């Protein structure tokens, strides 16, 4: 599971001026490895110049489509996204890690549920996969989507969403929110904020009628919408959030204790990493660098992508010892309670730590 596989690009399609949809051809021998659930993501790797660059992108195809497709939106200063939009073509190969992520709920054809989603910009990518998969798998369930963009020209998958609306006229409600393009109904002008979400819950959809809500977008939108839903009476456990990596807040590790920096040289941890059935060990200083950075420096090919605590690619389980996690945008409370951590954000606090990537599959 930790390995990258070279996949051939079957198609590259321009969705908007700054977004491409990339479809991969999965050979028969890798089909089991690349089976995915709605809402999951792929980690892509490329050599750009002399740099090994990895990024995670959400799958936008439905489970039933029989296709593996991601959307890559060009971000300002984005090394990978700029390179991908400028150079990727059908016939090229990319290093791809099998699907990961938990931005979904189990589906059942007998369900009669109402799902709600809030997306902004490229946050539509996993939401599209979730909506398409859910409406096909649960014929008695329905979906309501609020999708925020600057203007009509920047709406990713607009045609596909229109086709979905035509296919599921009675079961899909779709509302566009534009921040730089005036619309007839004032409520749909501006950005999706906590206040606007509260208005939607007052006038358009009742929180008590919603079984599960999905939110994908920038951090401030995610927190605002989640707060509005909870204030309207929706249990936090029924709200699934996915922060897209382009909006990762910059974070610098701060030593835990005032004397930690001075005494770090005397606080050593022996770390054992279990991955793909093998165990490897190295020694590192406490409170100085993350388990991931120390492991990479020791020559281990530990899996990672964003290094910002967002994508969960580096998720592993602590089998022995203790660590402190700096930030976490990817793990649920129940996962942390079971011992799962993000190695990119974990700093050892005991003399011995054992982490297992195999149990994190």
Foldseek 3Di string as FASTA:
>chain_A
DQFWDKWFWAFWADQFPFKIKTWTDDDPVCPVQQQDAQLWWKWWWDCDPNDTAIAIFTFQAASVPPITMTMQGDDVVDPVSVCCVVDDGGGGIITIGHIDADLADDAAQADQFEEEEEEEQSQCRSVNRRQVHRCVHHVNYAYEYEYEYADPRRDGCPVVVVVVCVVCVPRYHYHYAHANDDDPDPLSYRGQFLVSLLVCCVPPNPLVRHQAYEYEEAPRNQVSNLVSSVVSPHDSVRYGYAYHLVRQDDDDQDQPDPCCVVCQVVQKAWEWEADPNDIDIDIDTFRPAFQVVVCVVVPDPQWDHRLRQHNCRNKWFKPDADWDFDDHNGDDPVCVVRGIDRRSRITGDDRYIYIYPVVVD
